[in-house]
Amino acid sequence: MADRSIAPSPDDSIPFLPLLPAFNSRNQENWTSLSKEIETWLVLDVHPESPLWTWGHDAFWLAFIGAYPCFPRGTWPMWDS
């Protein structure tokens, strides 16, 4: 029998979606804020074996690259540990 404790429940919410109308995809600060919000959500609210975590992980990287388009070159903040 599958372990349903890690499956997303119907109430799982994604707090950063939909994006606010003020989100400007050409603004690096908007992408930086979004990547930090996603990171916090992943670390504090989502079980790491959940399919939602995998989706959030991908969303984080999309936002992070939006914030730091020269990654892995250039500068970016140190990883949280």
N, C-alpha and C. Protein backbone atom coordinates (compact mmCIF):
# COMPACT_ATOMS: atom_id res chain seq x y z
N MET A 1 0.84 -1.17 0.00
CA MET A 1 0.00 0.00 0.00
C MET A 1 0.89 1.24 0.00
N ALA A 2 0.52 2.23 -0.77
CA ALA A 2 1.30 3.47 -0.89
C ALA A 2 1.21 4.29 0.38
N ASP A 3 2.29 4.99 0.69
CA ASP A 3 2.33 5.89 1.84
C ASP A 3 1.71 7.22 1.42
N ARG A 4 0.50 7.47 1.86
CA ARG A 4 -0.22 8.69 1.47
C ARG A 4 0.19 9.91 2.29
N SER A 5 1.07 9.72 3.28
CA SER A 5 1.47 10.86 4.10
C SER A 5 2.30 11.88 3.33
N ILE A 6 2.87 11.46 2.20
CA ILE A 6 3.69 12.39 1.43
C ILE A 6 2.98 12.91 0.18
N ALA A 7 1.82 12.36 -0.11
CA ALA A 7 1.08 12.82 -1.29
C ALA A 7 0.44 14.17 -1.00
N PRO A 8 0.38 15.04 -2.00
CA PRO A 8 -0.25 16.34 -1.76
C PRO A 8 -1.73 16.16 -1.46
N SER A 9 -2.22 16.91 -0.52
CA SER A 9 -3.63 16.87 -0.20
C SER A 9 -4.35 17.92 -1.04
N PRO A 10 -5.67 17.81 -1.15
CA PRO A 10 -6.39 18.81 -1.94
C PRO A 10 -6.23 20.23 -1.41
N ASP A 11 -5.86 20.38 -0.11
CA ASP A 11 -5.71 21.74 0.43
C ASP A 11 -4.32 22.31 0.24
N ASP A 12 -3.40 21.54 -0.35
CA ASP A 12 -2.06 22.09 -0.56
C ASP A 12 -2.18 23.36 -1.39
N SER A 13 -1.63 24.40 -0.83
CA SER A 13 -1.69 25.66 -1.57
C SER A 13 -0.29 26.08 -1.94
N ILE A 14 -0.22 26.84 -2.97
CA ILE A 14 1.05 27.38 -3.43
C ILE A 14 0.93 28.88 -3.19
N PRO A 15 1.51 29.36 -2.10
CA PRO A 15 1.25 30.73 -1.65
C PRO A 15 1.73 31.83 -2.60
N PHE A 16 2.63 31.52 -3.49
CA PHE A 16 3.15 32.55 -4.38
C PHE A 16 2.44 32.57 -5.74
N LEU A 17 1.43 31.71 -5.90
CA LEU A 17 0.64 31.69 -7.14
C LEU A 17 -0.81 31.98 -6.84
N PRO A 18 -1.47 32.73 -7.66
CA PRO A 18 -0.93 33.38 -8.85
C PRO A 18 0.00 34.52 -8.46
N LEU A 19 0.89 34.85 -9.36
CA LEU A 19 1.78 35.98 -9.11
C LEU A 19 0.96 37.26 -8.97
N LEU A 20 1.45 38.14 -8.15
CA LEU A 20 0.77 39.42 -7.97
C LEU A 20 0.75 40.19 -9.29
N PRO A 21 -0.29 40.98 -9.53
CA PRO A 21 -0.35 41.77 -10.76
C PRO A 21 0.86 42.72 -10.91
N ALA A 22 1.44 43.12 -9.79
CA ALA A 22 2.59 44.03 -9.83
C ALA A 22 3.89 43.31 -10.21
N PHE A 23 3.89 41.97 -10.29
CA PHE A 23 5.12 41.23 -10.63
C PHE A 23 5.54 41.63 -12.04
N ASN A 24 6.80 42.05 -12.15
CA ASN A 24 7.36 42.47 -13.43
C ASN A 24 8.46 41.49 -13.80
N SER A 25 8.22 40.71 -14.83
CA SER A 25 9.19 39.67 -15.21
C SER A 25 10.50 40.24 -15.73
N ARG A 26 10.57 41.54 -15.95
CA ARG A 26 11.82 42.19 -16.40
C ARG A 26 12.59 42.82 -15.25
N ASN A 27 12.06 42.62 -14.02
CA ASN A 27 12.67 43.24 -12.84
C ASN A 27 13.37 42.17 -12.01
N GLN A 28 14.69 42.28 -11.91
CA GLN A 28 15.48 41.28 -11.18
C GLN A 28 15.06 41.18 -9.72
N GLU A 29 14.70 42.29 -9.10
CA GLU A 29 14.29 42.26 -7.69
C GLU A 29 13.01 41.45 -7.49
N ASN A 30 12.10 41.50 -8.46
CA ASN A 30 10.89 40.68 -8.37
C ASN A 30 11.24 39.21 -8.40
N TRP A 31 12.17 38.82 -9.27
CA TRP A 31 12.59 37.42 -9.35
C TRP A 31 13.32 36.99 -8.07
N THR A 32 14.12 37.88 -7.52
CA THR A 32 14.84 37.58 -6.27
C THR A 32 13.85 37.33 -5.15
N SER A 33 12.87 38.19 -5.02
CA SER A 33 11.85 38.01 -3.97
C SER A 33 11.08 36.71 -4.16
N LEU A 34 10.73 36.42 -5.41
CA LEU A 34 9.99 35.20 -5.69
C LEU A 34 10.82 33.96 -5.36
N SER A 35 12.10 33.95 -5.72
CA SER A 35 12.93 32.78 -5.43
C SER A 35 13.07 32.58 -3.92
N LYS A 36 13.19 33.66 -3.16
CA LYS A 36 13.28 33.54 -1.70
C LYS A 36 11.97 33.03 -1.11
N GLU A 37 10.85 33.50 -1.65
CA GLU A 37 9.55 33.03 -1.17
C GLU A 37 9.37 31.54 -1.44
N ILE A 38 9.76 31.10 -2.63
CA ILE A 38 9.67 29.69 -2.97
C ILE A 38 10.59 28.86 -2.09
N GLU A 39 11.81 29.33 -1.88
CA GLU A 39 12.77 28.61 -1.03
C GLU A 39 12.21 28.42 0.37
N THR A 40 11.67 29.48 0.96
CA THR A 40 11.11 29.40 2.31
C THR A 40 9.95 28.42 2.35
N TRP A 41 9.08 28.47 1.37
CA TRP A 41 7.94 27.56 1.28
C TRP A 41 8.41 26.11 1.20
N LEU A 42 9.42 25.85 0.37
CA LEU A 42 9.93 24.48 0.23
C LEU A 42 10.53 23.96 1.54
N VAL A 43 11.30 24.80 2.20
CA VAL A 43 12.00 24.38 3.42
C VAL A 43 11.04 24.19 4.59
N LEU A 44 10.06 25.08 4.71
CA LEU A 44 9.20 25.07 5.89
C LEU A 44 7.88 24.33 5.73
N ASP A 45 7.33 24.27 4.53
CA ASP A 45 5.96 23.81 4.38
C ASP A 45 5.74 22.55 3.55
N VAL A 46 6.70 22.14 2.76
CA VAL A 46 6.47 21.04 1.83
C VAL A 46 7.34 19.83 2.20
N HIS A 47 6.71 18.67 2.26
CA HIS A 47 7.45 17.44 2.55
C HIS A 47 8.40 17.15 1.38
N PRO A 48 9.69 16.87 1.67
CA PRO A 48 10.67 16.70 0.59
C PRO A 48 10.43 15.51 -0.33
N GLU A 49 9.58 14.57 0.06
CA GLU A 49 9.30 13.43 -0.83
C GLU A 49 7.98 13.61 -1.58
N SER A 50 7.38 14.76 -1.42
CA SER A 50 6.11 15.04 -2.07
C SER A 50 6.32 15.45 -3.53
N PRO A 51 5.41 15.07 -4.41
CA PRO A 51 5.49 15.57 -5.78
C PRO A 51 5.43 17.10 -5.84
N LEU A 52 4.76 17.70 -4.86
CA LEU A 52 4.70 19.15 -4.80
C LEU A 52 6.09 19.74 -4.55
N TRP A 53 6.92 19.05 -3.77
CA TRP A 53 8.29 19.53 -3.52
C TRP A 53 9.09 19.51 -4.83
N THR A 54 8.92 18.45 -5.60
CA THR A 54 9.65 18.36 -6.88
C THR A 54 9.23 19.50 -7.80
N TRP A 55 7.94 19.76 -7.87
CA TRP A 55 7.45 20.86 -8.69
C TRP A 55 8.00 22.19 -8.17
N GLY A 56 7.98 22.39 -6.84
CA GLY A 56 8.48 23.62 -6.24
C GLY A 56 9.97 23.80 -6.46
N HIS A 57 10.71 22.70 -6.45
CA HIS A 57 12.15 22.74 -6.71
C HIS A 57 12.41 23.30 -8.11
N ASP A 58 11.65 22.82 -9.08
CA ASP A 58 11.79 23.33 -10.44
C ASP A 58 11.39 24.81 -10.52
N ALA A 59 10.31 25.16 -9.83
CA ALA A 59 9.87 26.56 -9.82
C ALA A 59 10.93 27.46 -9.19
N PHE A 60 11.57 26.96 -8.12
CA PHE A 60 12.64 27.73 -7.47
C PHE A 60 13.75 28.03 -8.48
N TRP A 61 14.20 27.01 -9.21
CA TRP A 61 15.31 27.23 -10.14
C TRP A 61 14.93 28.18 -11.27
N LEU A 62 13.70 28.11 -11.73
CA LEU A 62 13.26 29.07 -12.75
C LEU A 62 13.34 30.50 -12.20
N ALA A 63 12.85 30.70 -10.98
CA ALA A 63 12.88 32.03 -10.38
C ALA A 63 14.32 32.46 -10.08
N PHE A 64 15.15 31.53 -9.60
CA PHE A 64 16.54 31.86 -9.27
C PHE A 64 17.30 32.32 -10.51
N ILE A 65 17.09 31.63 -11.62
CA ILE A 65 17.76 32.03 -12.87
C ILE A 65 17.22 33.37 -13.35
N GLY A 66 15.93 33.64 -13.12
CA GLY A 66 15.38 34.95 -13.43
C GLY A 66 16.05 36.05 -12.61
N ALA A 67 16.38 35.72 -11.36
CA ALA A 67 17.03 36.68 -10.46
C ALA A 67 18.52 36.84 -10.77
N TYR A 68 19.16 35.75 -11.16
CA TYR A 68 20.61 35.75 -11.39
C TYR A 68 20.90 35.10 -12.75
N PRO A 69 20.58 35.80 -13.83
CA PRO A 69 20.67 35.19 -15.17
C PRO A 69 22.07 34.76 -15.58
N CYS A 70 23.11 35.24 -14.92
CA CYS A 70 24.47 34.83 -15.27
C CYS A 70 24.92 33.59 -14.51
N PHE A 71 24.07 33.06 -13.62
CA PHE A 71 24.41 31.86 -12.86
C PHE A 71 24.76 30.74 -13.83
N PRO A 72 25.83 30.00 -13.61
CA PRO A 72 26.68 29.91 -12.44
C PRO A 72 27.86 30.86 -12.45
N ARG A 73 27.95 31.69 -13.46
CA ARG A 73 29.00 32.71 -13.45
C ARG A 73 28.47 33.92 -12.71
N GLY A 74 29.31 34.89 -12.50
CA GLY A 74 28.86 36.10 -11.84
C GLY A 74 28.72 35.92 -10.34
N THR A 75 27.88 36.73 -9.73
CA THR A 75 27.70 36.65 -8.29
C THR A 75 26.25 36.31 -7.96
N TRP A 76 26.07 35.63 -6.87
CA TRP A 76 24.76 35.28 -6.35
C TRP A 76 24.91 35.04 -4.87
N PRO A 77 23.82 35.03 -4.11
CA PRO A 77 23.94 34.84 -2.66
C PRO A 77 24.40 33.43 -2.31
N MET A 78 25.08 33.33 -1.19
CA MET A 78 25.50 32.01 -0.71
C MET A 78 24.26 31.19 -0.38
N TRP A 79 24.37 29.88 -0.51
CA TRP A 79 23.25 28.99 -0.20
C TRP A 79 23.00 29.00 1.30
N ASP A 80 21.75 28.89 1.66
CA ASP A 80 21.41 28.72 3.08
C ASP A 80 21.77 27.29 3.47
N SER A 81 22.20 27.13 4.71
CA SER A 81 22.56 25.77 5.14
C SER A 81 21.71 25.33 6.30
